[in-house]
Amino acid sequence: MGTSKARTPDSLQGSLELLILKTVESGPNHGFGIALHIQTASEGLLRIEEGSLYPALHRMQKQGLLKAEWKVTDNLRRARYYRITAAGQRRLAEAQESWSSLSKGVNRVLRFA
C-alpha cells in the first residue's frame, strides 16, 4: 500500500473513544448524559450501549484520558461525572486527525469504486 499511515479496522473501534472525548471536551458529563449527547448530536444514527460505554469510560480513566468524580445529577441521583484531562485533549486531537484521514480514504474508495 505504500503509506505508513494506512488505517485498519482498529481505527473504527477507536471511534467510541473519539466520540466520548469530544463529548466531554465541552464539559463534565455522566455516562448516561454522554450516551444521550452522542445519540442526539448524531440525530439518532449513533446509539452507545451501556455494555460498550462504561468499559470504555473506565479504560479511558485508567489511561489518564478522563478524570471522574461523584456528583449529584439534576434529578438528585449520584452519578460519576467524567471530564477530559490534558492527556485526553492530546488524544482527542490525534483521534480527530486519524478519523479525518480514515474518512477521506473511505470517501475516495466510494467515489471511485
Protein backbone atom coordinates (compact mmCIF):
# COMPACT_ATOMS: atom_id res chain seq x y z
CA MET A 1 0.00 0.00 0.00
CA GLY A 2 2.91 2.33 0.46
CA THR A 3 1.87 4.70 3.27
CA SER A 4 2.78 4.15 6.87
CA LYS A 5 -0.42 5.90 7.94
CA ALA A 6 -2.76 3.31 6.39
CA ARG A 7 -5.59 2.56 8.80
CA THR A 8 -7.03 -0.81 9.71
CA PRO A 9 -10.45 -1.77 11.08
CA ASP A 10 -8.96 -0.98 14.51
CA SER A 11 -9.40 2.67 13.52
CA LEU A 12 -13.14 2.17 13.57
CA GLN A 13 -13.01 0.71 17.08
CA GLY A 14 -11.34 3.94 18.24
CA SER A 15 -14.36 5.92 17.16
CA LEU A 16 -16.10 5.38 20.53
CA GLU A 17 -13.11 6.92 22.29
CA LEU A 18 -13.22 9.85 19.88
CA LEU A 19 -16.95 10.39 20.47
CA ILE A 20 -16.57 10.24 24.25
CA LEU A 21 -13.60 12.62 24.33
CA LYS A 22 -15.34 15.08 22.00
CA THR A 23 -18.47 14.98 24.16
CA VAL A 24 -16.70 15.68 27.46
CA GLU A 25 -14.46 18.30 25.87
CA SER A 26 -17.35 20.76 26.26
CA GLY A 27 -17.72 19.95 29.96
CA PRO A 28 -18.05 17.15 32.51
CA ASN A 29 -20.87 14.68 31.99
CA HIS A 30 -22.07 11.37 33.38
CA GLY A 31 -22.31 8.15 31.38
CA PHE A 32 -25.99 8.41 30.50
CA GLY A 33 -25.51 12.08 29.55
CA ILE A 34 -22.60 11.17 27.28
CA ALA A 35 -24.63 8.45 25.54
CA LEU A 36 -27.62 10.78 25.19
CA HIS A 37 -25.48 13.57 23.73
CA ILE A 38 -23.95 11.24 21.14
CA GLN A 39 -27.39 9.94 20.16
CA THR A 40 -28.89 13.44 19.98
CA ALA A 41 -25.96 15.04 18.14
CA SER A 42 -25.99 12.22 15.58
CA GLU A 43 -29.76 12.66 15.12
CA GLY A 44 -30.31 9.11 16.34
CA LEU A 45 -27.83 7.47 13.97
CA LEU A 46 -25.44 6.51 16.78
CA ARG A 47 -26.53 4.71 19.94
CA ILE A 48 -23.99 3.71 22.53
CA GLU A 49 -24.98 0.71 24.63
CA GLU A 50 -24.06 0.55 28.32
CA GLY A 51 -22.06 -2.62 27.68
CA SER A 52 -19.74 -0.61 25.42
CA LEU A 53 -19.84 2.78 27.10
CA TYR A 54 -18.93 2.01 30.71
CA PRO A 55 -15.99 -0.31 29.95
CA ALA A 56 -14.67 2.39 27.59
CA LEU A 57 -15.07 5.11 30.25
CA HIS A 58 -13.25 3.00 32.84
CA ARG A 59 -10.45 2.11 30.41
CA MET A 60 -10.04 5.75 29.42
CA GLN A 61 -9.92 6.77 33.08
CA LYS A 62 -7.19 4.18 33.76
CA GLN A 63 -5.25 5.54 30.75
CA GLY A 64 -5.42 9.04 32.22
CA LEU A 65 -7.60 10.42 29.41
CA LEU A 66 -10.51 11.13 31.75
CA LYS A 67 -10.89 12.10 35.41
CA ALA A 68 -14.02 11.10 37.28
CA GLU A 69 -15.79 12.30 40.39
CA TRP A 70 -19.10 11.57 42.04
CA LYS A 71 -21.73 14.33 41.88
CA VAL A 72 -25.48 14.64 42.18
CA THR A 73 -27.41 14.92 38.90
CA ASP A 74 -30.24 17.36 38.17
CA ASN A 75 -32.75 14.66 39.18
CA LEU A 76 -30.94 14.14 42.51
CA ARG A 77 -29.13 10.89 41.73
CA ARG A 78 -25.48 10.19 42.38
CA ALA A 79 -23.53 9.71 39.19
CA ARG A 80 -19.91 9.59 38.18
CA TYR A 81 -19.04 12.66 36.09
CA TYR A 82 -16.20 12.39 33.60
CA ARG A 83 -14.05 15.25 32.38
CA ILE A 84 -11.24 15.34 29.86
CA THR A 85 -7.62 15.63 31.03
CA ALA A 86 -4.66 17.22 29.24
CA ALA A 87 -3.68 13.74 28.00
CA GLY A 88 -7.25 13.31 26.81
CA GLN A 89 -7.05 16.59 24.90
CA ARG A 90 -3.91 15.36 23.14
CA ARG A 91 -5.52 12.01 22.34
CA LEU A 92 -8.62 13.82 21.05
CA ALA A 93 -6.52 15.87 18.63
CA GLU A 94 -4.76 12.71 17.41
CA ALA A 95 -8.05 10.81 17.09
CA GLN A 96 -9.69 13.64 15.13
CA GLU A 97 -6.76 13.73 12.70
CA SER A 98 -6.84 9.95 12.34
CA TRP A 99 -10.61 9.93 11.78
CA SER A 100 -10.29 12.67 9.17
CA SER A 101 -7.68 10.63 7.27
CA LEU A 102 -9.75 7.46 7.53
CA SER A 103 -12.91 9.16 6.29
CA LYS A 104 -11.02 10.75 3.37
CA GLY A 105 -9.76 7.31 2.38
CA VAL A 106 -13.21 5.74 2.61
CA ASN A 107 -14.74 8.60 0.61
CA ARG A 108 -12.13 8.19 -2.10
CA VAL A 109 -12.87 4.48 -2.40
CA LEU A 110 -16.62 5.14 -2.52
CA ARG A 111 -16.16 7.80 -5.16
CA PHE A 112 -14.01 5.66 -7.45
CA ALA A 113 -15.30 2.14 -6.78
